[in-house]
Amino acid sequence: VDTLCRHGVPETGIDLIWTPGSFELPLAAQKLAASERYDGIVALGAVIRGGTPHFEYIAGECVKGLASVSLEYDIPLGFGVLTVDTIDQAVERAGTKAGNKGAEAAMAMLEMVSLLRRLEG
């Protein structure tokens, strides 16, 4: 939210939507995109590796689903779903030692909104 506001998006123009997990992000993003109320979407989450192949399935389907929504609805989608081995890694990538992947996803979405506006001219 901070990154979006610092780049001119009014806080009243930002809706925060929570899903039970990363697997559910594509469906929520699809509903948001279908509403045609948004210039872009930022999807944030974390998939933490466990001792089973579940990690690969969830991470892969999340990526494919979100990419599909972006292409199907022609809407920029900033991808900020972390795939990590530990909770500590997720915290580091969410704004401490390893940068802020959420802010990077928000910036990517804003840049794509701008690019598409220029291309559609």
PDB file of N, CA and C in Angstrom:
ATOM      1  N   VAL A   1       0.839  -1.186   0.000  1.00  0.00           N
ATOM      2  CA  VAL A   1       0.000   0.000   0.000  1.00  0.00           C
ATOM      3  C   VAL A   1       0.880   1.244   0.000  1.00  0.00           C
ATOM      4  N   ASP A   2       1.935   1.219   0.806  1.00  0.00           N
ATOM      5  CA  ASP A   2       2.829   2.369   0.897  1.00  0.00           C
ATOM      6  C   ASP A   2       3.438   2.708  -0.461  1.00  0.00           C
ATOM      7  N   THR A   3       3.906   1.706  -1.170  1.00  0.00           N
ATOM      8  CA  THR A   3       4.517   1.932  -2.485  1.00  0.00           C
ATOM      9  C   THR A   3       3.510   2.525  -3.459  1.00  0.00           C
ATOM     10  N   LEU A   4       2.308   2.005  -3.472  1.00  0.00           N
ATOM     11  CA  LEU A   4       1.277   2.524  -4.376  1.00  0.00           C
ATOM     12  C   LEU A   4       0.959   3.977  -4.046  1.00  0.00           C
ATOM     13  N   CYS A   5       0.785   4.283  -2.773  1.00  0.00           N
ATOM     14  CA  CYS A   5       0.463   5.659  -2.364  1.00  0.00           C
ATOM     15  C   CYS A   5       1.602   6.612  -2.703  1.00  0.00           C
ATOM     16  N   ARG A   6       2.850   6.178  -2.496  1.00  0.00           N
ATOM     17  CA  ARG A   6       3.990   7.043  -2.815  1.00  0.00           C
ATOM     18  C   ARG A   6       4.116   7.305  -4.312  1.00  0.00           C
ATOM     19  N   HIS A   7       3.449   6.511  -5.118  1.00  0.00           N
ATOM     20  CA  HIS A   7       3.498   6.705  -6.567  1.00  0.00           C
ATOM     21  C   HIS A   7       2.167   7.197  -7.123  1.00  0.00           C
ATOM     22  N   GLY A   8       1.398   7.866  -6.286  1.00  0.00           N
ATOM     23  CA  GLY A   8       0.227   8.588  -6.772  1.00  0.00           C
ATOM     24  C   GLY A   8      -1.112   7.894  -6.693  1.00  0.00           C
ATOM     25  N   VAL A   9      -1.155   6.686  -6.197  1.00  0.00           N
ATOM     26  CA  VAL A   9      -2.440   5.998  -6.080  1.00  0.00           C
ATOM     27  C   VAL A   9      -3.072   6.417  -4.748  1.00  0.00           C
ATOM     28  N   PRO A  10      -4.266   7.003  -4.787  1.00  0.00           N
ATOM     29  CA  PRO A  10      -4.899   7.393  -3.518  1.00  0.00           C
ATOM     30  C   PRO A  10      -5.288   6.154  -2.711  1.00  0.00           C
ATOM     31  N   GLU A  11      -5.173   6.247  -1.399  1.00  0.00           N
ATOM     32  CA  GLU A  11      -5.501   5.097  -0.555  1.00  0.00           C
ATOM     33  C   GLU A  11      -6.941   4.644  -0.761  1.00  0.00           C
ATOM     34  N   THR A  12      -7.813   5.573  -1.120  1.00  0.00           N
ATOM     35  CA  THR A  12      -9.213   5.210  -1.380  1.00  0.00           C
ATOM     36  C   THR A  12      -9.355   4.403  -2.667  1.00  0.00           C
ATOM     37  N   GLY A  13      -8.322   4.388  -3.489  1.00  0.00           N
ATOM     38  CA  GLY A  13      -8.338   3.626  -4.729  1.00  0.00           C
ATOM     39  C   GLY A  13      -7.710   2.252  -4.595  1.00  0.00           C
ATOM     40  N   ILE A  14      -7.425   1.850  -3.361  1.00  0.00           N
ATOM     41  CA  ILE A  14      -6.790   0.554  -3.104  1.00  0.00           C
ATOM     42  C   ILE A  14      -7.733  -0.311  -2.279  1.00  0.00           C
ATOM     43  N   ASP A  15      -8.022  -1.491  -2.779  1.00  0.00           N
ATOM     44  CA  ASP A  15      -8.829  -2.459  -2.034  1.00  0.00           C
ATOM     45  C   ASP A  15      -7.926  -3.611  -1.610  1.00  0.00           C
ATOM     46  N   LEU A  16      -7.951  -3.957  -0.341  1.00  0.00           N
ATOM     47  CA  LEU A  16      -7.203  -5.111   0.158  1.00  0.00           C
ATOM     48  C   LEU A  16      -8.148  -6.300   0.262  1.00  0.00           C
ATOM     49  N   ILE A  17      -7.772  -7.385  -0.376  1.00  0.00           N
ATOM     50  CA  ILE A  17      -8.568  -8.608  -0.390  1.00  0.00           C
ATOM     51  C   ILE A  17      -7.709  -9.712   0.221  1.00  0.00           C
ATOM     52  N   TRP A  18      -8.245 -10.447   1.162  1.00  0.00           N
ATOM     53  CA  TRP A  18      -7.510 -11.535   1.810  1.00  0.00           C
ATOM     54  C   TRP A  18      -8.077 -12.877   1.351  1.00  0.00           C
ATOM     55  N   THR A  19      -7.187 -13.823   1.056  1.00  0.00           N
ATOM     56  CA  THR A  19      -7.612 -15.179   0.713  1.00  0.00           C
ATOM     57  C   THR A  19      -7.073 -16.145   1.775  1.00  0.00           C
ATOM     58  N   PRO A  20      -7.666 -17.331   1.881  1.00  0.00           N
ATOM     59  CA  PRO A  20      -7.181 -18.291   2.881  1.00  0.00           C
ATOM     60  C   PRO A  20      -5.758 -18.770   2.618  1.00  0.00           C
ATOM     61  N   GLY A  21      -5.336 -18.736   1.363  1.00  0.00           N
ATOM     62  CA  GLY A  21      -3.997 -19.199   1.014  1.00  0.00           C
ATOM     63  C   GLY A  21      -3.628 -18.755  -0.384  1.00  0.00           C
ATOM     64  N   SER A  22      -2.418 -19.085  -0.807  1.00  0.00           N
ATOM     65  CA  SER A  22      -1.934 -18.688  -2.130  1.00  0.00           C
ATOM     66  C   SER A  22      -2.680 -19.381  -3.260  1.00  0.00           C
ATOM     67  N   PHE A  23      -3.133 -20.605  -3.034  1.00  0.00           N
ATOM     68  CA  PHE A  23      -3.859 -21.339  -4.066  1.00  0.00           C
ATOM     69  C   PHE A  23      -5.136 -20.606  -4.474  1.00  0.00           C
ATOM     70  N   GLU A  24      -5.729 -19.870  -3.548  1.00  0.00           N
ATOM     71  CA  GLU A  24      -6.983 -19.168  -3.810  1.00  0.00           C
ATOM     72  C   GLU A  24      -6.787 -17.804  -4.467  1.00  0.00           C
ATOM     73  N   LEU A  25      -5.558 -17.336  -4.582  1.00  0.00           N
ATOM     74  CA  LEU A  25      -5.300 -16.023  -5.186  1.00  0.00           C
ATOM     75  C   LEU A  25      -5.811 -15.899  -6.623  1.00  0.00           C
ATOM     76  N   PRO A  26      -5.595 -16.891  -7.503  1.00  0.00           N
ATOM     77  CA  PRO A  26      -6.069 -16.726  -8.879  1.00  0.00           C
ATOM     78  C   PRO A  26      -7.575 -16.489  -8.994  1.00  0.00           C
ATOM     79  N   LEU A  27      -8.377 -17.191  -8.230  1.00  0.00           N
ATOM     80  CA  LEU A  27      -9.824 -16.988  -8.305  1.00  0.00           C
ATOM     81  C   LEU A  27     -10.200 -15.588  -7.825  1.00  0.00           C
ATOM     82  N   ALA A  28      -9.598 -15.140  -6.734  1.00  0.00           N
ATOM     83  CA  ALA A  28      -9.875 -13.785  -6.248  1.00  0.00           C
ATOM     84  C   ALA A  28      -9.438 -12.754  -7.285  1.00  0.00           C
ATOM     85  N   ALA A  29      -8.263 -12.954  -7.884  1.00  0.00           N
ATOM     86  CA  ALA A  29      -7.775 -12.030  -8.909  1.00  0.00           C
ATOM     87  C   ALA A  29      -8.700 -12.029 -10.124  1.00  0.00           C
ATOM     88  N   GLN A  30      -9.208 -13.197 -10.487  1.00  0.00           N
ATOM     89  CA  GLN A  30     -10.131 -13.293 -11.619  1.00  0.00           C
ATOM     90  C   GLN A  30     -11.396 -12.479 -11.365  1.00  0.00           C
ATOM     91  N   LYS A  31     -11.951 -12.588 -10.166  1.00  0.00           N
ATOM     92  CA  LYS A  31     -13.165 -11.827  -9.829  1.00  0.00           C
ATOM     93  C   LYS A  31     -12.887 -10.326  -9.853  1.00  0.00           C
ATOM     94  N   LEU A  32     -11.731  -9.920  -9.342  1.00  0.00           N
ATOM     95  CA  LEU A  32     -11.370  -8.499  -9.368  1.00  0.00           C
ATOM     96  C   LEU A  32     -11.216  -8.010 -10.806  1.00  0.00           C
ATOM     97  N   ALA A  33     -10.521  -8.786 -11.619  1.00  0.00           N
ATOM     98  CA  ALA A  33     -10.308  -8.396 -13.014  1.00  0.00           C
ATOM     99  C   ALA A  33     -11.627  -8.328 -13.776  1.00  0.00           C
ATOM    100  N   ALA A  34     -12.498  -9.295 -13.552  1.00  0.00           N
ATOM    101  CA  ALA A  34     -13.785  -9.338 -14.258  1.00  0.00           C
ATOM    102  C   ALA A  34     -14.673  -8.149 -13.900  1.00  0.00           C
ATOM    103  N   SER A  35     -14.474  -7.573 -12.741  1.00  0.00           N
ATOM    104  CA  SER A  35     -15.291  -6.426 -12.327  1.00  0.00           C
ATOM    105  C   SER A  35     -14.991  -5.172 -13.141  1.00  0.00           C
ATOM    106  N   GLU A  36     -13.833  -5.147 -13.802  1.00  0.00           N
ATOM    107  CA  GLU A  36     -13.382  -4.001 -14.607  1.00  0.00           C
ATOM    108  C   GLU A  36     -13.290  -2.711 -13.790  1.00  0.00           C
ATOM    109  N   ARG A  37     -13.132  -2.830 -12.479  1.00  0.00           N
ATOM    110  CA  ARG A  37     -12.994  -1.653 -11.614  1.00  0.00           C
ATOM    111  C   ARG A  37     -11.542  -1.297 -11.343  1.00  0.00           C
ATOM    112  N   TYR A  38     -10.613  -2.132 -11.758  1.00  0.00           N
ATOM    113  CA  TYR A  38      -9.213  -1.965 -11.376  1.00  0.00           C
ATOM    114  C   TYR A  38      -8.323  -1.779 -12.597  1.00  0.00           C
ATOM    115  N   ASP A  39      -7.313  -0.912 -12.443  1.00  0.00           N
ATOM    116  CA  ASP A  39      -6.305  -0.741 -13.485  1.00  0.00           C
ATOM    117  C   ASP A  39      -5.247  -1.834 -13.405  1.00  0.00           C
ATOM    118  N   GLY A  40      -5.073  -2.414 -12.234  1.00  0.00           N
ATOM    119  CA  GLY A  40      -4.083  -3.462 -12.033  1.00  0.00           C
ATOM    120  C   GLY A  40      -4.331  -4.175 -10.720  1.00  0.00           C
ATOM    121  N   ILE A  41      -3.651  -5.291 -10.563  1.00  0.00           N
ATOM    122  CA  ILE A  41      -3.784  -6.124  -9.365  1.00  0.00           C
ATOM    123  C   ILE A  41      -2.384  -6.474  -8.875  1.00  0.00           C
ATOM    124  N   VAL A  42      -2.214  -6.490  -7.568  1.00  0.00           N
ATOM    125  CA  VAL A  42      -0.974  -6.976  -6.964  1.00  0.00           C
ATOM    126  C   VAL A  42      -1.341  -8.182  -6.107  1.00  0.00           C
ATOM    127  N   ALA A  43      -0.753  -9.317  -6.415  1.00  0.00           N
ATOM    128  CA  ALA A  43      -1.015 -10.545  -5.654  1.00  0.00           C
ATOM    129  C   ALA A  43       0.182 -10.831  -4.755  1.00  0.00           C
ATOM    130  N   LEU A  44      -0.070 -10.881  -3.453  1.00  0.00           N
ATOM    131  CA  LEU A  44       0.996 -11.126  -2.482  1.00  0.00           C
ATOM    132  C   LEU A  44       0.676 -12.366  -1.663  1.00  0.00           C
ATOM    133  N   GLY A  45       1.688 -13.128  -1.353  1.00  0.00           N
ATOM    134  CA  GLY A  45       1.495 -14.309  -0.530  1.00  0.00           C
ATOM    135  C   GLY A  45       2.818 -15.003  -0.301  1.00  0.00           C
ATOM    136  N   ALA A  46       2.758 -16.140   0.348  1.00  0.00           N
ATOM    137  CA  ALA A  46       3.959 -16.942   0.586  1.00  0.00           C
ATOM    138  C   ALA A  46       3.587 -18.416   0.569  1.00  0.00           C
ATOM    139  N   VAL A  47       4.410 -19.180  -0.118  1.00  0.00           N
ATOM    140  CA  VAL A  47       4.288 -20.636  -0.108  1.00  0.00           C
ATOM    141  C   VAL A  47       5.574 -21.143   0.540  1.00  0.00           C
ATOM    142  N   ILE A  48       5.428 -21.817   1.666  1.00  0.00           N
ATOM    143  CA  ILE A  48       6.588 -22.268   2.431  1.00  0.00           C
ATOM    144  C   ILE A  48       6.756 -23.773   2.251  1.00  0.00           C
ATOM    145  N   ARG A  49       7.969 -24.156   1.859  1.00  0.00           N
ATOM    146  CA  ARG A  49       8.263 -25.563   1.555  1.00  0.00           C
ATOM    147  C   ARG A  49       8.076 -26.436   2.797  1.00  0.00           C
ATOM    148  N   GLY A  50       7.474 -27.569   2.582  1.00  0.00           N
ATOM    149  CA  GLY A  50       7.336 -28.565   3.652  1.00  0.00           C
ATOM    150  C   GLY A  50       8.036 -29.837   3.226  1.00  0.00           C
ATOM    151  N   GLY A  51       7.684 -30.931   3.816  1.00  0.00           N
ATOM    152  CA  GLY A  51       8.329 -32.197   3.506  1.00  0.00           C
ATOM    153  C   GLY A  51       7.644 -33.001   2.420  1.00  0.00           C
ATOM    154  N   THR A  52       6.659 -32.401   1.734  1.00  0.00           N
ATOM    155  CA  THR A  52       5.919 -33.116   0.690  1.00  0.00           C
ATOM    156  C   THR A  52       5.942 -32.317  -0.611  1.00  0.00           C
ATOM    157  N   PRO A  53       5.524 -32.915  -1.727  1.00  0.00           N
ATOM    158  CA  PRO A  53       5.482 -32.200  -3.009  1.00  0.00           C
ATOM    159  C   PRO A  53       4.404 -31.110  -3.057  1.00  0.00           C
ATOM    160  N   HIS A  54       3.603 -30.991  -2.017  1.00  0.00           N
ATOM    161  CA  HIS A  54       2.529 -29.995  -1.949  1.00  0.00           C
ATOM    162  C   HIS A  54       3.031 -28.599  -2.336  1.00  0.00           C
ATOM    163  N   PHE A  55       4.225 -28.236  -1.883  1.00  0.00           N
ATOM    164  CA  PHE A  55       4.832 -26.933  -2.168  1.00  0.00           C
ATOM    165  C   PHE A  55       4.882 -26.668  -3.672  1.00  0.00           C
ATOM    166  N   GLU A  56       5.411 -27.631  -4.424  1.00  0.00           N
ATOM    167  CA  GLU A  56       5.546 -27.458  -5.870  1.00  0.00           C
ATOM    168  C   GLU A  56       4.188 -27.321  -6.548  1.00  0.00           C
ATOM    169  N   TYR A  57       3.225 -28.115  -6.108  1.00  0.00           N
ATOM    170  CA  TYR A  57       1.892 -28.054  -6.710  1.00  0.00           C
ATOM    171  C   TYR A  57       1.246 -26.697  -6.470  1.00  0.00           C
ATOM    172  N   ILE A  58       1.269 -26.248  -5.241  1.00  0.00           N
ATOM    173  CA  ILE A  58       0.627 -24.979  -4.896  1.00  0.00           C
ATOM    174  C   ILE A  58       1.323 -23.820  -5.597  1.00  0.00           C
ATOM    175  N   ALA A  59       2.647 -23.775  -5.514  1.00  0.00           N
ATOM    176  CA  ALA A  59       3.393 -22.676  -6.139  1.00  0.00           C
ATOM    177  C   ALA A  59       3.152 -22.645  -7.646  1.00  0.00           C
ATOM    178  N   GLY A  60       3.222 -23.805  -8.289  1.00  0.00           N
ATOM    179  CA  GLY A  60       3.041 -23.864  -9.740  1.00  0.00           C
ATOM    180  C   GLY A  60       1.652 -23.446 -10.180  1.00  0.00           C
ATOM    181  N   GLU A  61       0.642 -23.941  -9.499  1.00  0.00           N
ATOM    182  CA  GLU A  61      -0.733 -23.591  -9.871  1.00  0.00           C
ATOM    183  C   GLU A  61      -1.033 -22.121  -9.599  1.00  0.00           C
ATOM    184  N   CYS A  62      -0.453 -21.576  -8.555  1.00  0.00           N
ATOM    185  CA  CYS A  62      -0.642 -20.157  -8.246  1.00  0.00           C
ATOM    186  C   CYS A  62      -0.064 -19.294  -9.372  1.00  0.00           C
ATOM    187  N   VAL A  63       1.147 -19.602  -9.789  1.00  0.00           N
ATOM    188  CA  VAL A  63       1.791 -18.847 -10.869  1.00  0.00           C
ATOM    189  C   VAL A  63       0.977 -18.953 -12.156  1.00  0.00           C
ATOM    190  N   LYS A  64       0.620 -20.175 -12.536  1.00  0.00           N
ATOM    191  CA  LYS A  64      -0.142 -20.374 -13.775  1.00  0.00           C
ATOM    192  C   LYS A  64      -1.491 -19.676 -13.719  1.00  0.00           C
ATOM    193  N   GLY A  65      -2.162 -19.800 -12.601  1.00  0.00           N
ATOM    194  CA  GLY A  65      -3.481 -19.185 -12.463  1.00  0.00           C
ATOM    195  C   GLY A  65      -3.432 -17.671 -12.549  1.00  0.00           C
ATOM    196  N   LEU A  66      -2.470 -17.063 -11.876  1.00  0.00           N
ATOM    197  CA  LEU A  66      -2.367 -15.597 -11.906  1.00  0.00           C
ATOM    198  C   LEU A  66      -1.954 -15.101 -13.293  1.00  0.00           C
ATOM    199  N   ALA A  67      -1.037 -15.808 -13.942  1.00  0.00           N
ATOM    200  CA  ALA A  67      -0.643 -15.421 -15.299  1.00  0.00           C
ATOM    201  C   ALA A  67      -1.834 -15.526 -16.245  1.00  0.00           C
ATOM    202  N   SER A  68      -2.628 -16.560 -16.087  1.00  0.00           N
ATOM    203  CA  SER A  68      -3.812 -16.745 -16.919  1.00  0.00           C
ATOM    204  C   SER A  68      -4.805 -15.595 -16.745  1.00  0.00           C
ATOM    205  N   VAL A  69      -5.020 -15.177 -15.509  1.00  0.00           N
ATOM    206  CA  VAL A  69      -5.930 -14.053 -15.244  1.00  0.00           C
ATOM    207  C   VAL A  69      -5.421 -12.792 -15.925  1.00  0.00           C
ATOM    208  N   SER A  70      -4.139 -12.516 -15.792  1.00  0.00           N
ATOM    209  CA  SER A  70      -3.562 -11.313 -16.389  1.00  0.00           C
ATOM    210  C   SER A  70      -3.756 -11.294 -17.904  1.00  0.00           C
ATOM    211  N   LEU A  71      -3.497 -12.426 -18.539  1.00  0.00           N
ATOM    212  CA  LEU A  71      -3.624 -12.496 -19.994  1.00  0.00           C
ATOM    213  C   LEU A  71      -5.078 -12.520 -20.449  1.00  0.00           C
ATOM    214  N   GLU A  72      -5.917 -13.266 -19.753  1.00  0.00           N
ATOM    215  CA  GLU A  72      -7.324 -13.377 -20.144  1.00  0.00           C
ATOM    216  C   GLU A  72      -8.056 -12.042 -20.030  1.00  0.00           C
ATOM    217  N   TYR A  73      -7.748 -11.291 -18.987  1.00  0.00           N
ATOM    218  CA  TYR A  73      -8.464 -10.037 -18.746  1.00  0.00           C
ATOM    219  C   TYR A  73      -7.668  -8.805 -19.157  1.00  0.00           C
ATOM    220  N   ASP A  74      -6.477  -9.017 -19.726  1.00  0.00           N
ATOM    221  CA  ASP A  74      -5.660  -7.903 -20.205  1.00  0.00           C
ATOM    222  C   ASP A  74      -5.436  -6.880 -19.090  1.00  0.00           C
ATOM    223  N   ILE A  75      -5.033  -7.373 -17.920  1.00  0.00           N
ATOM    224  CA  ILE A  75      -4.835  -6.506 -16.763  1.00  0.00           C
ATOM    225  C   ILE A  75      -3.450  -6.762 -16.168  1.00  0.00           C
ATOM    226  N   PRO A  76      -2.704  -5.702 -15.897  1.00  0.00           N
ATOM    227  CA  PRO A  76      -1.402  -5.884 -15.255  1.00  0.00           C
ATOM    228  C   PRO A  76      -1.560  -6.532 -13.880  1.00  0.00           C
ATOM    229  N   LEU A  77      -0.711  -7.504 -13.601  1.00  0.00           N
ATOM    230  CA  LEU A  77      -0.765  -8.195 -12.326  1.00  0.00           C
ATOM    231  C   LEU A  77       0.647  -8.292 -11.765  1.00  0.00           C
ATOM    232  N   GLY A  78       0.892  -7.579 -10.678  1.00  0.00           N
ATOM    233  CA  GLY A  78       2.188  -7.658 -10.007  1.00  0.00           C
ATOM    234  C   GLY A  78       2.248  -8.926  -9.175  1.00  0.00           C
ATOM    235  N   PHE A  79       3.247  -9.757  -9.436  1.00  0.00           N
ATOM    236  CA  PHE A  79       3.354 -11.059  -8.772  1.00  0.00           C
ATOM    237  C   PHE A  79       4.311 -10.964  -7.594  1.00  0.00           C
ATOM    238  N   GLY A  80       3.772 -11.080  -6.393  1.00  0.00           N
ATOM    239  CA  GLY A  80       4.579 -11.019  -5.183  1.00  0.00           C
ATOM    240  C   GLY A  80       4.347 -12.210  -4.282  1.00  0.00           C
ATOM    241  N   VAL A  81       4.205 -13.374  -4.877  1.00  0.00           N
ATOM    242  CA  VAL A  81       4.020 -14.591  -4.081  1.00  0.00           C
ATOM    243  C   VAL A  81       5.402 -15.207  -3.859  1.00  0.00           C
ATOM    244  N   LEU A  82       5.821 -15.224  -2.617  1.00  0.00           N
ATOM    245  CA  LEU A  82       7.132 -15.745  -2.265  1.00  0.00           C
ATOM    246  C   LEU A  82       7.104 -17.264  -2.204  1.00  0.00           C
ATOM    247  N   THR A  83       8.153 -17.890  -2.708  1.00  0.00           N
ATOM    248  CA  THR A  83       8.330 -19.330  -2.547  1.00  0.00           C
ATOM    249  C   THR A  83       9.614 -19.497  -1.740  1.00  0.00           C
ATOM    250  N   VAL A  84       9.467 -19.951  -0.514  1.00  0.00           N
ATOM    251  CA  VAL A  84      10.589 -19.967   0.422  1.00  0.00           C
ATOM    252  C   VAL A  84      10.649 -21.294   1.174  1.00  0.00           C
ATOM    253  N   ASP A  85      11.790 -21.510   1.809  1.00  0.00           N
ATOM    254  CA  ASP A  85      11.975 -22.718   2.606  1.00  0.00           C
ATOM    255  C   ASP A  85      11.534 -22.531   4.055  1.00  0.00           C
ATOM    256  N   THR A  86      11.603 -21.283   4.544  1.00  0.00           N
ATOM    257  CA  THR A  86      11.291 -21.035   5.957  1.00  0.00           C
ATOM    258  C   THR A  86      10.494 -19.743   6.120  1.00  0.00           C
ATOM    259  N   ILE A  87       9.852 -19.621   7.256  1.00  0.00           N
ATOM    260  CA  ILE A  87       9.139 -18.380   7.580  1.00  0.00           C
ATOM    261  C   ILE A  87      10.127 -17.226   7.670  1.00  0.00           C
ATOM    262  N   ASP A  88      11.322 -17.479   8.205  1.00  0.00           N
ATOM    263  CA  ASP A  88      12.335 -16.422   8.300  1.00  0.00           C
ATOM    264  C   ASP A  88      12.677 -15.858   6.925  1.00  0.00           C
ATOM    265  N   GLN A  89      12.804 -16.722   5.923  1.00  0.00           N
ATOM    266  CA  GLN A  89      13.076 -16.244   4.565  1.00  0.00           C
ATOM    267  C   GLN A  89      11.935 -15.380   4.057  1.00  0.00           C
ATOM    268  N   ALA A  90      10.714 -15.758   4.355  1.00  0.00           N
ATOM    269  CA  ALA A  90       9.559 -14.960   3.923  1.00  0.00           C
ATOM    270  C   ALA A  90       9.610 -13.574   4.548  1.00  0.00           C
ATOM    271  N   VAL A  91       9.911 -13.507   5.830  1.00  0.00           N
ATOM    272  CA  VAL A  91       9.999 -12.215   6.519  1.00  0.00           C
ATOM    273  C   VAL A  91      11.116 -11.370   5.914  1.00  0.00           C
ATOM    274  N   GLU A  92      12.261 -11.984   5.640  1.00  0.00           N
ATOM    275  CA  GLU A  92      13.382 -11.255   5.041  1.00  0.00           C
ATOM    276  C   GLU A  92      13.005 -10.665   3.687  1.00  0.00           C
ATOM    277  N   ARG A  93      12.266 -11.394   2.885  1.00  0.00           N
ATOM    278  CA  ARG A  93      11.913 -10.941   1.536  1.00  0.00           C
ATOM    279  C   ARG A  93      10.711 -10.010   1.525  1.00  0.00           C
ATOM    280  N   ALA A  94      10.075  -9.887   2.669  1.00  0.00           N
ATOM    281  CA  ALA A  94       8.903  -9.006   2.762  1.00  0.00           C
ATOM    282  C   ALA A  94       9.270  -7.630   3.308  1.00  0.00           C
ATOM    283  N   GLY A  95      10.545  -7.309   3.332  1.00  0.00           N
ATOM    284  CA  GLY A  95      10.901  -5.952   3.715  1.00  0.00           C
ATOM    285  C   GLY A  95      12.025  -5.801   4.704  1.00  0.00           C
ATOM    286  N   THR A  96      12.740  -6.871   5.004  1.00  0.00           N
ATOM    287  CA  THR A  96      13.867  -6.698   5.915  1.00  0.00           C
ATOM    288  C   THR A  96      15.169  -6.876   5.150  1.00  0.00           C
ATOM    289  N   LYS A  97      15.900  -7.941   5.372  1.00  0.00           N
ATOM    290  CA  LYS A  97      17.241  -8.110   4.807  1.00  0.00           C
ATOM    291  C   LYS A  97      17.285  -8.303   3.291  1.00  0.00           C
ATOM    292  N   ALA A  98      16.305  -8.952   2.729  1.00  0.00           N
ATOM    293  CA  ALA A  98      16.365  -9.344   1.314  1.00  0.00           C
ATOM    294  C   ALA A  98      15.456  -8.496   0.431  1.00  0.00           C
ATOM    295  N   GLY A  99      15.276  -7.236   0.768  1.00  0.00           N
ATOM    296  CA  GLY A  99      14.437  -6.358  -0.039  1.00  0.00           C
ATOM    297  C   GLY A  99      12.973  -6.499   0.319  1.00  0.00           C
ATOM    298  N   ASN A 100      12.139  -5.889  -0.497  1.00  0.00           N
ATOM    299  CA  ASN A 100      10.698  -5.933  -0.255  1.00  0.00           C
ATOM    300  C   ASN A 100      10.018  -6.385  -1.539  1.00  0.00           C
ATOM    301  N   LYS A 101       9.757  -7.659  -1.627  1.00  0.00           N
ATOM    302  CA  LYS A 101       9.176  -8.226  -2.848  1.00  0.00           C
ATOM    303  C   LYS A 101       7.761  -7.720  -3.098  1.00  0.00           C
ATOM    304  N   GLY A 102       7.038  -7.363  -2.054  1.00  0.00           N
ATOM    305  CA  GLY A 102       5.709  -6.782  -2.231  1.00  0.00           C
ATOM    306  C   GLY A 102       5.786  -5.427  -2.909  1.00  0.00           C
ATOM    307  N   ALA A 103       6.735  -4.602  -2.468  1.00  0.00           N
ATOM    308  CA  ALA A 103       6.936  -3.290  -3.092  1.00  0.00           C
ATOM    309  C   ALA A 103       7.370  -3.459  -4.546  1.00  0.00           C
ATOM    310  N   GLU A 104       8.224  -4.449  -4.803  1.00  0.00           N
ATOM    311  CA  GLU A 104       8.664  -4.706  -6.180  1.00  0.00           C
ATOM    312  C   GLU A 104       7.489  -5.135  -7.056  1.00  0.00           C
ATOM    313  N   ALA A 105       6.601  -5.951  -6.523  1.00  0.00           N
ATOM    314  CA  ALA A 105       5.422  -6.385  -7.280  1.00  0.00           C
ATOM    315  C   ALA A 105       4.505  -5.202  -7.566  1.00  0.00           C
ATOM    316  N   ALA A 106       4.340  -4.320  -6.595  1.00  0.00           N
ATOM    317  CA  ALA A 106       3.508  -3.127  -6.795  1.00  0.00           C
ATOM    318  C   ALA A 106       4.109  -2.234  -7.872  1.00  0.00           C
ATOM    319  N   MET A 107       5.421  -2.057  -7.845  1.00  0.00           N
ATOM    320  CA  MET A 107       6.080  -1.232  -8.864  1.00  0.00           C
ATOM    321  C   MET A 107       5.947  -1.854 -10.251  1.00  0.00           C
ATOM    322  N   ALA A 108       6.098  -3.164 -10.343  1.00  0.00           N
ATOM    323  CA  ALA A 108       5.952  -3.839 -11.638  1.00  0.00           C
ATOM    324  C   ALA A 108       4.554  -3.627 -12.189  1.00  0.00           C
ATOM    325  N   MET A 109       3.548  -3.726 -11.326  1.00  0.00           N
ATOM    326  CA  MET A 109       2.171  -3.503 -11.770  1.00  0.00           C
ATOM    327  C   MET A 109       1.994  -2.071 -12.261  1.00  0.00           C
ATOM    328  N   LEU A 110       2.490  -1.094 -11.504  1.00  0.00           N
ATOM    329  CA  LEU A 110       2.363   0.310 -11.918  1.00  0.00           C
ATOM    330  C   LEU A 110       3.067   0.565 -13.247  1.00  0.00           C
ATOM    331  N   GLU A 111       4.248  -0.013 -13.415  1.00  0.00           N
ATOM    332  CA  GLU A 111       4.981   0.153 -14.672  1.00  0.00           C
ATOM    333  C   GLU A 111       4.219  -0.459 -15.842  1.00  0.00           C
ATOM    334  N   MET A 112       3.593  -1.606 -15.625  1.00  0.00           N
ATOM    335  CA  MET A 112       2.815  -2.234 -16.693  1.00  0.00           C
ATOM    336  C   MET A 112       1.545  -1.447 -17.008  1.00  0.00           C
ATOM    337  N   VAL A 113       0.906  -0.871 -16.008  1.00  0.00           N
ATOM    338  CA  VAL A 113      -0.257  -0.010 -16.262  1.00  0.00           C
ATOM    339  C   VAL A 113       0.164   1.134 -17.168  1.00  0.00           C
ATOM    340  N   SER A 114       1.283   1.761 -16.846  1.00  0.00           N
ATOM    341  CA  SER A 114       1.789   2.875 -17.655  1.00  0.00           C
ATOM    342  C   SER A 114       2.147   2.420 -19.071  1.00  0.00           C
ATOM    343  N   LEU A 115       2.823   1.293 -19.181  1.00  0.00           N
ATOM    344  CA  LEU A 115       3.211   0.775 -20.494  1.00  0.00           C
ATOM    345  C   LEU A 115       1.989   0.464 -21.349  1.00  0.00           C
ATOM    346  N   LEU A 116       1.005  -0.210 -20.786  1.00  0.00           N
ATOM    347  CA  LEU A 116      -0.186  -0.549 -21.562  1.00  0.00           C
ATOM    348  C   LEU A 116      -0.932   0.697 -22.017  1.00  0.00           C
ATOM    349  N   ARG A 117      -0.972   1.713 -21.179  1.00  0.00           N
ATOM    350  CA  ARG A 117      -1.627   2.965 -21.587  1.00  0.00           C
ATOM    351  C   ARG A 117      -0.911   3.581 -22.780  1.00  0.00           C
ATOM    352  N   ARG A 118       0.428   3.532 -22.771  1.00  0.00           N
ATOM    353  CA  ARG A 118       1.185   4.071 -23.906  1.00  0.00           C
ATOM    354  C   ARG A 118       0.956   3.231 -25.160  1.00  0.00           C
ATOM    355  N   LEU A 119       0.953   1.919 -25.015  1.00  0.00           N
ATOM    356  CA  LEU A 119       0.779   1.039 -26.167  1.00  0.00           C
ATOM    357  C   LEU A 119      -0.619   1.133 -26.762  1.00  0.00           C
ATOM    358  N   GLU A 120      -1.607   1.364 -25.900  1.00  0.00           N
ATOM    359  CA  GLU A 120      -2.987   1.468 -26.371  1.00  0.00           C
ATOM    360  C   GLU A 120      -3.288   2.858 -26.899  1.00  0.00           C
ATOM    361  N   GLY A 121      -2.411   3.810 -26.547  1.00  0.00           N
ATOM    362  CA  GLY A 121      -2.412   5.189 -26.947  1.00  0.00           C
ATOM    363  C   GLY A 121      -3.653   5.805 -27.338  1.00  0.00           C
TER     364      GLY A 121
END
